[in-house]
C-alpha atoms as a PDB file:
ATOM      1  CA  UNK A   1      29.532 139.755 143.858  1.00  0.00           C
ATOM      2  CA  UNK A   2      31.478 136.469 143.778  1.00  0.00           C
ATOM      3  CA  UNK A   3      31.188 134.230 146.534  1.00  0.00           C
ATOM      4  CA  UNK A   4      34.059 131.690 147.421  1.00  0.00           C
ATOM      5  CA  UNK A   5      33.753 128.608 149.103  1.00  0.00           C
ATOM      6  CA  UNK A   6      37.156 126.871 150.332  1.00  0.00           C
ATOM      7  CA  UNK A   7      37.436 122.574 150.678  1.00  0.00           C
ATOM      8  CA  UNK A   8      40.221 121.101 152.737  1.00  0.00           C
ATOM      9  CA  UNK A   9      40.160 117.965 151.249  1.00  0.00           C
ATOM     10  CA  UNK A  10      42.492 116.686 153.449  1.00  0.00           C
ATOM     11  CA  UNK A  11      41.722 113.685 155.626  1.00  0.00           C
ATOM     12  CA  UNK A  12      38.433 113.224 154.192  1.00  0.00           C
ATOM     13  CA  UNK A  13      36.594 111.073 151.689  1.00  0.00           C
ATOM     14  CA  UNK A  14      36.637 111.660 148.123  1.00  0.00           C
ATOM     15  CA  UNK A  15      33.246 111.690 147.821  1.00  0.00           C
ATOM     16  CA  UNK A  16      32.725 113.747 150.825  1.00  0.00           C
ATOM     17  CA  UNK A  17      34.264 116.314 149.101  1.00  0.00           C
ATOM     18  CA  UNK A  18      33.012 115.948 146.264  1.00  0.00           C
ATOM     19  CA  UNK A  19      29.634 116.128 147.111  1.00  0.00           C
ATOM     20  CA  UNK A  20      29.881 119.247 149.505  1.00  0.00           C
ATOM     21  CA  UNK A  21      31.522 120.912 146.334  1.00  0.00           C
ATOM     22  CA  UNK A  22      28.712 119.989 143.839  1.00  0.00           C
ATOM     23  CA  UNK A  23      25.923 121.400 146.640  1.00  0.00           C
ATOM     24  CA  UNK A  24      28.083 124.740 146.508  1.00  0.00           C
ATOM     25  CA  UNK A  25      28.403 124.586 142.571  1.00  0.00           C
ATOM     26  CA  UNK A  26      24.489 124.314 142.321  1.00  0.00           C
ATOM     27  CA  UNK A  27      23.983 127.278 144.983  1.00  0.00           C
ATOM     28  CA  UNK A  28      22.267 125.015 147.680  1.00  0.00           C
ATOM     29  CA  UNK A  29      24.238 126.928 150.178  1.00  0.00           C
ATOM     30  CA  UNK A  30      22.782 130.346 149.254  1.00  0.00           C
ATOM     31  CA  UNK A  31      19.666 131.567 150.058  1.00  0.00           C
ATOM     32  CA  UNK A  32      19.424 132.842 146.426  1.00  0.00           C
ATOM     33  CA  UNK A  33      19.075 129.183 145.369  1.00  0.00           C
ATOM     34  CA  UNK A  34      17.534 128.984 141.860  1.00  0.00           C
ATOM     35  CA  UNK A  35      17.557 125.461 139.842  1.00  0.00           C
ATOM     36  CA  UNK A  36      17.855 127.519 136.444  1.00  0.00           C
ATOM     37  CA  UNK A  37      20.631 129.709 136.632  1.00  0.00           C
ATOM     38  CA  UNK A  38      24.330 129.194 137.927  1.00  0.00           C
ATOM     39  CA  UNK A  39      24.803 131.776 140.571  1.00  0.00           C
ATOM     40  CA  UNK A  40      28.251 133.427 140.744  1.00  0.00           C
ATOM     41  CA  UNK A  41      30.172 131.155 142.992  1.00  0.00           C
ATOM     42  CA  UNK A  42      33.633 129.397 142.825  1.00  0.00           C
ATOM     43  CA  UNK A  43      34.560 126.158 144.671  1.00  0.00           C
ATOM     44  CA  UNK A  44      38.408 125.586 145.531  1.00  0.00           C
ATOM     45  CA  UNK A  45      39.437 121.982 146.707  1.00  0.00           C
ATOM     46  CA  UNK A  46      42.676 122.353 147.872  1.00  0.00           C
ATOM     47  CA  UNK A  47      45.009 119.625 149.383  1.00  0.00           C
ATOM     48  CA  UNK A  48      43.375 116.970 146.953  1.00  0.00           C
ATOM     49  CA  UNK A  49      46.423 115.034 146.945  1.00  0.00           C
ATOM     50  CA  UNK A  50      46.194 114.272 150.422  1.00  0.00           C
ATOM     51  CA  UNK A  51      42.617 112.632 149.936  1.00  0.00           C
ATOM     52  CA  UNK A  52      42.202 109.518 152.521  1.00  0.00           C
ATOM     53  CA  UNK A  53      41.321 106.295 150.360  1.00  0.00           C
ATOM     54  CA  UNK A  54      41.785 102.904 150.690  1.00  0.00           C
ATOM     55  CA  UNK A  55      43.579  99.826 148.894  1.00  0.00           C
ATOM     56  CA  UNK A  56      40.770  98.406 147.845  1.00  0.00           C
ATOM     57  CA  UNK A  57      38.859 101.608 146.455  1.00  0.00           C
ATOM     58  CA  UNK A  58      41.825 102.678 144.649  1.00  0.00           C
ATOM     59  CA  UNK A  59      41.903  99.144 142.754  1.00  0.00           C
ATOM     60  CA  UNK A  60      38.533  97.787 141.882  1.00  0.00           C
ATOM     61  CA  UNK A  61      36.195 101.043 141.654  1.00  0.00           C
ATOM     62  CA  UNK A  62      36.075 101.126 138.018  1.00  0.00           C
ATOM     63  CA  UNK A  63      35.433 104.525 135.831  1.00  0.00           C
ATOM     64  CA  UNK A  64      33.923 103.496 132.262  1.00  0.00           C
ATOM     65  CA  UNK A  65      34.387 105.616 128.887  1.00  0.00           C
ATOM     66  CA  UNK A  66      33.241 104.772 125.285  1.00  0.00           C
ATOM     67  CA  UNK A  67      34.624 105.421 122.174  1.00  0.00           C
ATOM     68  CA  UNK A  68      31.363 105.343 120.075  1.00  0.00           C
ATOM     69  CA  UNK A  69      33.231 102.423 118.378  1.00  0.00           C
ATOM     70  CA  UNK A  70      32.440  98.711 118.072  1.00  0.00           C
ATOM     71  CA  UNK A  71      34.228  97.186 121.035  1.00  0.00           C
ATOM     72  CA  UNK A  72      35.492 100.556 122.671  1.00  0.00           C
ATOM     73  CA  UNK A  73      34.237 100.379 126.009  1.00  0.00           C
ATOM     74  CA  UNK A  74      37.060 100.983 128.070  1.00  0.00           C
ATOM     75  CA  UNK A  75      37.514 100.816 132.011  1.00  0.00           C
ATOM     76  CA  UNK A  76      40.228 102.392 134.330  1.00  0.00           C
ATOM     77  CA  UNK A  77      40.725 102.261 138.106  1.00  0.00           C
ATOM     78  CA  UNK A  78      41.181 105.208 140.684  1.00  0.00           C
ATOM     79  CA  UNK A  79      45.167 104.180 140.998  1.00  0.00           C
ATOM     80  CA  UNK A  80      45.559 104.487 137.098  1.00  0.00           C
ATOM     81  CA  UNK A  81      42.963 107.836 136.859  1.00  0.00           C
ATOM     82  CA  UNK A  82      45.432 109.147 139.700  1.00  0.00           C
ATOM     83  CA  UNK A  83      48.980 107.938 138.271  1.00  0.00           C
ATOM     84  CA  UNK A  84      48.084 108.966 134.507  1.00  0.00           C
ATOM     85  CA  UNK A  85      46.162 112.682 135.717  1.00  0.00           C
ATOM     86  CA  UNK A  86      46.454 113.418 139.258  1.00  0.00           C
ATOM     87  CA  UNK A  87      43.747 114.101 141.994  1.00  0.00           C
ATOM     88  CA  UNK A  88      42.657 116.428 139.697  1.00  0.00           C
ATOM     89  CA  UNK A  89      40.639 114.260 137.186  1.00  0.00           C
ATOM     90  CA  UNK A  90      39.423 112.121 140.101  1.00  0.00           C
ATOM     91  CA  UNK A  91      37.758 115.280 141.711  1.00  0.00           C
ATOM     92  CA  UNK A  92      36.355 116.303 138.469  1.00  0.00           C
ATOM     93  CA  UNK A  93      35.084 112.915 137.232  1.00  0.00           C
ATOM     94  CA  UNK A  94      33.842 112.835 141.083  1.00  0.00           C
ATOM     95  CA  UNK A  95      31.722 116.133 141.179  1.00  0.00           C
ATOM     96  CA  UNK A  96      30.854 116.140 137.049  1.00  0.00           C
ATOM     97  CA  UNK A  97      28.459 113.094 138.073  1.00  0.00           C
ATOM     98  CA  UNK A  98      27.172 114.670 141.007  1.00  0.00           C
ATOM     99  CA  UNK A  99      26.015 117.742 139.079  1.00  0.00           C
ATOM    100  CA  UNK A 100      22.570 117.677 137.027  1.00  0.00           C
ATOM    101  CA  UNK A 101      22.641 116.749 133.629  1.00  0.00           C
ATOM    102  CA  UNK A 102      21.662 119.151 131.394  1.00  0.00           C
ATOM    103  CA  UNK A 103      22.716 122.946 129.845  1.00  0.00           C
ATOM    104  CA  UNK A 104      24.356 124.007 133.347  1.00  0.00           C
ATOM    105  CA  UNK A 105      26.830 121.521 134.085  1.00  0.00           C
ATOM    106  CA  UNK A 106      29.407 122.490 131.865  1.00  0.00           C
ATOM    107  CA  UNK A 107      29.159 126.350 133.254  1.00  0.00           C
ATOM    108  CA  UNK A 108      28.894 125.360 136.623  1.00  0.00           C
ATOM    109  CA  UNK A 109      32.583 123.112 135.920  1.00  0.00           C
ATOM    110  CA  UNK A 110      34.049 126.154 135.014  1.00  0.00           C
ATOM    111  CA  UNK A 111      33.633 127.448 138.420  1.00  0.00           C
ATOM    112  CA  UNK A 112      35.483 124.560 140.512  1.00  0.00           C
ATOM    113  CA  UNK A 113      39.029 124.601 141.145  1.00  0.00           C
ATOM    114  CA  UNK A 114      41.188 122.155 142.526  1.00  0.00           C
ATOM    115  CA  UNK A 115      45.015 122.641 144.134  1.00  0.00           C
ATOM    116  CA  UNK A 116      46.785 119.504 144.763  1.00  0.00           C
END
């Protein structure tokens, strides 16, 4: 039976909502927690666009990506990510980096649903 966790992001900060979602995806809120298995859990983040974020956090926080080529390191601020891809991409980045970096991370990310 699938357990559904719903998180309302209205008025909360990005990091607090993302850490709550990551804990739920890992199964740490469940009594059946095992670190080597993905539990049958679905996490829904609602009202993602109503997240509280300061102007300095929007403009000064940098996310980096690397193309693999020399000189291919690029940086993007939260503001540019939101304008280009929306709040969904920002939440995906935050939760992705809070999950353990092993084979289970892509499987856990498939169980995350983000609604504006």
